[in-house]
Each structure stands twice: as C-alpha cells, then as structure tokens.
C-alpha cells in the first residue's frame, strides 16, 4: 500500500493527523540531512536542497506488510536493490528484523532499535555527489514465525529536475561519472528492468 503525501486533502481523523504530522517531521529531517551532506562536501549548505528542486520535492509514504513464511530460505520479502530516489526513511518493526544491507560480499542484518529511524541513501544522491556518497544496496528477508510491518518514507527530487553531478565535485582527476537524467526518466529506466542490485545506477556511468 502506498500513501501519497497530500496535506491539503488529508482526512481529519486521528490516523490522518498522525500520518500528516509524521510526514512533516520526516521532510524536516530530510532537509537537515541534505544541509549536512552539502556542508560536508564543501558546498553551500542549501546546494543539494536546491538541486532537489528547493521545497518542491517529491515524497510518499509506503506501508509494507510482510507475512510470516514457514520456509524463509526459499524467498525474499524484497530482492536486492538500491532505492532510486534521494533518501528513504525507514521506521522498522522494533521486534522483528527484516532489513539486510550489503557490505562487500556479505549481507548484514540491521537490528532495529527502539525509536530509531533507518536512513538509506538513494541513487539520486550518488549521482549528485559524483559517487562520493553511495546508495545503499539492500534487501528484505521474511521471518518464519512473525509478521512484520514497516513504514518507508521516500524523500525524492522534483520529478522533472535534471539530476547530474554537482559541478564543484567534478575535477580533472574525477570527471563526471553520470549522465544527466530527470528523476522521472530514471524511474522509467529502472522499472523496465526490476530490482537488480546496484547495476542500474552503475549502468549510468559515462563512457570515458
């Protein structure tokens, strides 16, 4: 189930108010992290936010339900992939682990912590930073005994903004790695292929 962010038409119920408030706070967090990344890269603090489309970003909340599976070794909740957007803010089930991230050739299970939000960097930040920040390859496993629910909030660039390596991060020693592409074009590109680890973003690397 995917819930699109729509403040103006949000239902005036307790659940709707909670979802709306959560969305606002996650957007604030996303902007803070873009500011931190920009400063860390030696850029103006609003550089990445402007590259995302200023305040006109794309965002949506997705609620994921993973039923228990008696034979978890035979299936995955979600195949290996990196997220196509900017950042993903994951509110995990604190009682059931399910997220795994790849480190070198090893899959590491992320242990949820109470009140903690997991942040995955997506492909658009990898492109903007010319590969300095890497998107996170991850997958989801299922549990043989317990169901699991997680909330994934996708913080993305404006769909029609051209995303390309920031000029200040391109040098003779490290030329632009990625070809310019809007987020809409990139989403269309990856949807034709499905989850393929990080092959999709790496396939954008410009020929030398």
Protein backbone atom coordinates (compact mmCIF):
# COMPACT_ATOMS: atom_id res chain seq x y z
CA UNK A 1 0.00 0.00 0.00
CA UNK A 2 1.34 3.43 -0.89
CA UNK A 3 0.04 6.63 0.68
CA UNK A 4 0.82 9.77 -1.30
CA UNK A 5 1.62 12.92 0.65
CA UNK A 6 -1.31 15.36 0.38
CA UNK A 7 -1.58 17.82 3.24
CA UNK A 8 -4.50 19.82 1.84
CA UNK A 9 -6.79 16.82 1.45
CA UNK A 10 -5.61 14.70 4.37
CA UNK A 11 -8.53 13.06 6.24
CA UNK A 12 -9.42 14.76 9.52
CA UNK A 13 -9.12 11.59 11.57
CA UNK A 14 -6.67 10.74 14.34
CA UNK A 15 -4.78 8.39 11.99
CA UNK A 16 -4.73 11.02 9.25
CA UNK A 17 -3.41 13.68 11.62
CA UNK A 18 -0.65 11.36 12.86
CA UNK A 19 0.40 10.46 9.31
CA UNK A 20 0.36 14.12 8.29
CA UNK A 21 2.48 15.17 11.27
CA UNK A 22 4.90 12.29 10.71
CA UNK A 23 5.29 13.34 7.07
CA UNK A 24 6.05 16.93 8.02
CA UNK A 25 8.71 15.86 10.52
CA UNK A 26 10.36 13.45 8.07
CA UNK A 27 10.54 16.19 5.42
CA UNK A 28 12.23 18.43 8.00
CA UNK A 29 14.73 15.66 8.75
CA UNK A 30 15.41 15.16 5.05
CA UNK A 31 16.21 18.85 4.63
CA UNK A 32 18.53 18.80 7.63
CA UNK A 33 20.44 15.84 6.20
CA UNK A 34 20.76 17.48 2.78
CA UNK A 35 22.21 20.51 4.57
CA UNK A 36 24.68 18.30 6.48
CA UNK A 37 25.72 16.49 3.30
CA UNK A 38 26.22 19.80 1.47
CA UNK A 39 28.42 21.23 4.21
CA UNK A 40 30.42 18.01 4.45
CA UNK A 41 31.06 18.18 0.69
CA UNK A 42 32.32 21.76 0.93
CA UNK A 43 29.24 23.20 -0.80
CA UNK A 44 26.84 25.95 0.19
CA UNK A 45 24.53 24.49 2.82
CA UNK A 46 21.44 24.73 0.59
CA UNK A 47 23.15 23.33 -2.52
CA UNK A 48 21.68 19.81 -2.50
CA UNK A 49 18.26 21.10 -1.45
CA UNK A 50 18.24 23.41 -4.48
CA UNK A 51 19.40 20.53 -6.68
CA UNK A 52 16.40 18.54 -5.42
CA UNK A 53 14.00 21.30 -6.50
CA UNK A 54 14.06 23.50 -3.37
CA UNK A 55 10.83 22.96 -1.42
CA UNK A 56 9.05 21.35 -4.37
CA UNK A 57 10.30 17.85 -3.64
CA UNK A 58 8.63 14.52 -4.24
CA UNK A 59 7.67 12.44 -1.21
CA UNK A 60 5.45 9.49 -0.39
CA UNK A 61 4.85 7.07 2.46
CA UNK A 62 4.61 3.34 1.84
CA UNK A 63 3.39 0.85 4.43
CA UNK A 64 4.90 -2.61 3.95
CA UNK A 65 3.43 -5.80 5.39
CA UNK A 66 5.47 -9.00 5.34
CA UNK A 67 3.57 -12.13 6.46
CA UNK A 68 5.39 -14.90 8.27
CA UNK A 69 6.83 -17.57 5.99
CA UNK A 70 7.44 -21.18 7.04
CA UNK A 71 10.34 -21.51 4.57
CA UNK A 72 12.19 -18.16 4.69
CA UNK A 73 15.27 -19.59 2.97
CA UNK A 74 13.23 -20.05 -0.21
CA UNK A 75 12.01 -16.49 -0.62
CA UNK A 76 12.75 -12.81 -0.06
CA UNK A 77 10.40 -10.08 1.06
CA UNK A 78 12.12 -7.81 -1.48
CA UNK A 79 15.03 -8.57 -3.80
CA UNK A 80 18.39 -6.83 -3.71
CA UNK A 81 18.25 -3.22 -4.92
CA UNK A 82 19.23 0.36 -4.19
CA UNK A 83 16.44 2.93 -3.86
CA UNK A 84 16.09 5.11 -6.97
CA UNK A 85 15.30 8.36 -5.14
CA UNK A 86 17.13 10.64 -2.74
CA UNK A 87 16.74 9.11 0.71
CA UNK A 88 14.48 6.53 2.31
CA UNK A 89 13.48 6.92 5.95
CA UNK A 90 12.52 3.53 7.35
CA UNK A 91 10.57 3.11 10.57
CA UNK A 92 11.12 -0.61 11.21
CA UNK A 93 9.26 -3.10 13.34
CA UNK A 94 11.32 -2.92 16.53
CA UNK A 95 10.54 -6.55 17.40
CA UNK A 96 11.31 -8.26 14.08
CA UNK A 97 14.44 -7.80 11.96
CA UNK A 98 13.99 -7.85 8.21
CA UNK A 99 16.33 -5.39 6.51
CA UNK A 100 19.72 -6.54 5.26
CA UNK A 101 22.42 -4.33 3.72
CA UNK A 102 25.33 -5.46 1.59
CA UNK A 103 28.86 -4.76 2.80
CA UNK A 104 31.37 -6.07 0.26
CA UNK A 105 30.15 -9.64 -0.39
CA UNK A 106 28.35 -10.05 2.93
CA UNK A 107 24.72 -9.43 3.84
CA UNK A 108 24.34 -7.85 7.28
CA UNK A 109 21.02 -7.86 9.13
CA UNK A 110 20.14 -4.45 10.57
CA UNK A 111 18.92 -4.77 14.14
CA UNK A 112 16.07 -2.31 14.78
CA UNK A 113 16.46 0.00 17.75
CA UNK A 114 13.56 1.48 19.69
CA UNK A 115 12.55 4.93 18.40
CA UNK A 116 15.27 4.85 15.72
CA UNK A 117 14.77 5.66 12.04
CA UNK A 118 16.97 3.95 9.46
CA UNK A 119 18.13 6.20 6.61
CA UNK A 120 19.09 4.71 3.25
CA UNK A 121 20.89 6.94 0.75
CA UNK A 122 19.41 6.56 -2.74
CA UNK A 123 20.73 6.67 -6.29
CA UNK A 124 19.98 10.37 -6.85
CA UNK A 125 22.39 11.42 -4.10
CA UNK A 126 25.03 9.09 -5.52
CA UNK A 127 24.66 10.81 -8.90
CA UNK A 128 24.61 14.36 -7.45
CA UNK A 129 27.73 13.74 -5.36
CA UNK A 130 29.55 12.09 -8.27
CA UNK A 131 29.84 8.84 -6.35
CA UNK A 132 31.21 10.35 -3.12
CA UNK A 133 28.08 9.23 -1.27
CA UNK A 134 26.99 5.74 -2.31
CA UNK A 135 23.43 4.49 -2.43
CA UNK A 136 22.79 1.52 -0.15
CA UNK A 137 22.22 -1.90 -1.67
CA UNK A 138 19.71 -3.75 0.49
CA UNK A 139 17.08 -6.46 0.54
CA UNK A 140 14.28 -7.66 2.82
CA UNK A 141 14.04 -11.10 4.38
CA UNK A 142 10.98 -12.76 5.88
CA UNK A 143 10.53 -14.40 9.27
CA UNK A 144 9.29 -17.96 9.82
CA UNK A 145 7.31 -17.14 12.97
CA UNK A 146 6.34 -13.47 12.96
CA UNK A 147 4.63 -10.97 10.71
CA UNK A 148 6.34 -7.64 10.18
CA UNK A 149 5.18 -4.12 9.31
CA UNK A 150 7.47 -1.25 8.31
CA UNK A 151 6.93 2.32 7.13
CA UNK A 152 9.15 3.60 4.32
CA UNK A 153 9.11 7.32 3.56
CA UNK A 154 10.68 8.23 0.22
CA UNK A 155 12.29 11.69 0.03
CA UNK A 156 12.94 12.38 -3.65
CA UNK A 157 13.91 15.17 -6.02
CA UNK A 158 11.25 17.01 -8.01
CA UNK A 159 10.35 14.66 -10.84
CA UNK A 160 11.34 16.92 -13.76
CA UNK A 161 14.57 18.38 -12.33
CA UNK A 162 17.69 17.33 -14.20
CA UNK A 163 19.94 15.37 -11.85
CA UNK A 164 23.65 15.34 -12.64
CA UNK A 165 26.96 15.50 -10.74
CA UNK A 166 27.42 18.81 -8.92
CA UNK A 167 29.92 20.94 -10.89
CA UNK A 168 32.01 21.69 -7.80
CA UNK A 169 32.57 17.95 -7.30
CA UNK A 170 33.80 17.34 -10.85
CA UNK A 171 37.57 17.62 -11.42
CA UNK A 172 40.15 16.55 -13.98
CA UNK A 173 41.12 13.74 -11.65
CA UNK A 174 37.48 12.74 -11.19
CA UNK A 175 35.32 13.75 -14.16
CA UNK A 176 31.53 13.48 -14.10
CA UNK A 177 30.64 9.82 -13.70
CA UNK A 178 26.94 10.01 -14.56
CA UNK A 179 24.93 11.29 -17.47
CA UNK A 180 22.19 13.88 -16.70
CA UNK A 181 18.69 12.45 -16.27
CA UNK A 182 15.49 13.59 -14.59
CA UNK A 183 14.11 11.53 -11.72
CA UNK A 184 11.08 10.62 -13.86
CA UNK A 185 13.38 9.37 -16.63
CA UNK A 186 15.40 7.35 -14.15
CA UNK A 187 12.32 5.75 -12.60
CA UNK A 188 11.07 4.77 -16.05
CA UNK A 189 14.52 3.38 -16.86
CA UNK A 190 14.68 1.13 -13.79
CA UNK A 191 11.06 -0.04 -13.92
CA UNK A 192 11.74 -1.75 -17.24
CA UNK A 193 14.36 -3.93 -15.55
CA UNK A 194 13.18 -4.52 -11.99
CA UNK A 195 15.41 -4.90 -8.90
CA UNK A 196 18.99 -5.66 -9.95
CA UNK A 197 21.20 -4.74 -7.01
CA UNK A 198 23.15 -1.63 -8.00
CA UNK A 199 23.53 -2.49 -11.67
CA UNK A 200 21.02 0.16 -12.71
CA UNK A 201 22.75 3.20 -11.26
CA UNK A 202 26.18 1.86 -12.23
CA UNK A 203 24.97 1.46 -15.82
CA UNK A 204 24.58 5.26 -15.97
CA UNK A 205 28.34 5.78 -15.64
CA UNK A 206 29.50 7.80 -18.62
CA UNK A 207 31.93 6.09 -21.01
CA UNK A 208 35.44 7.51 -20.74
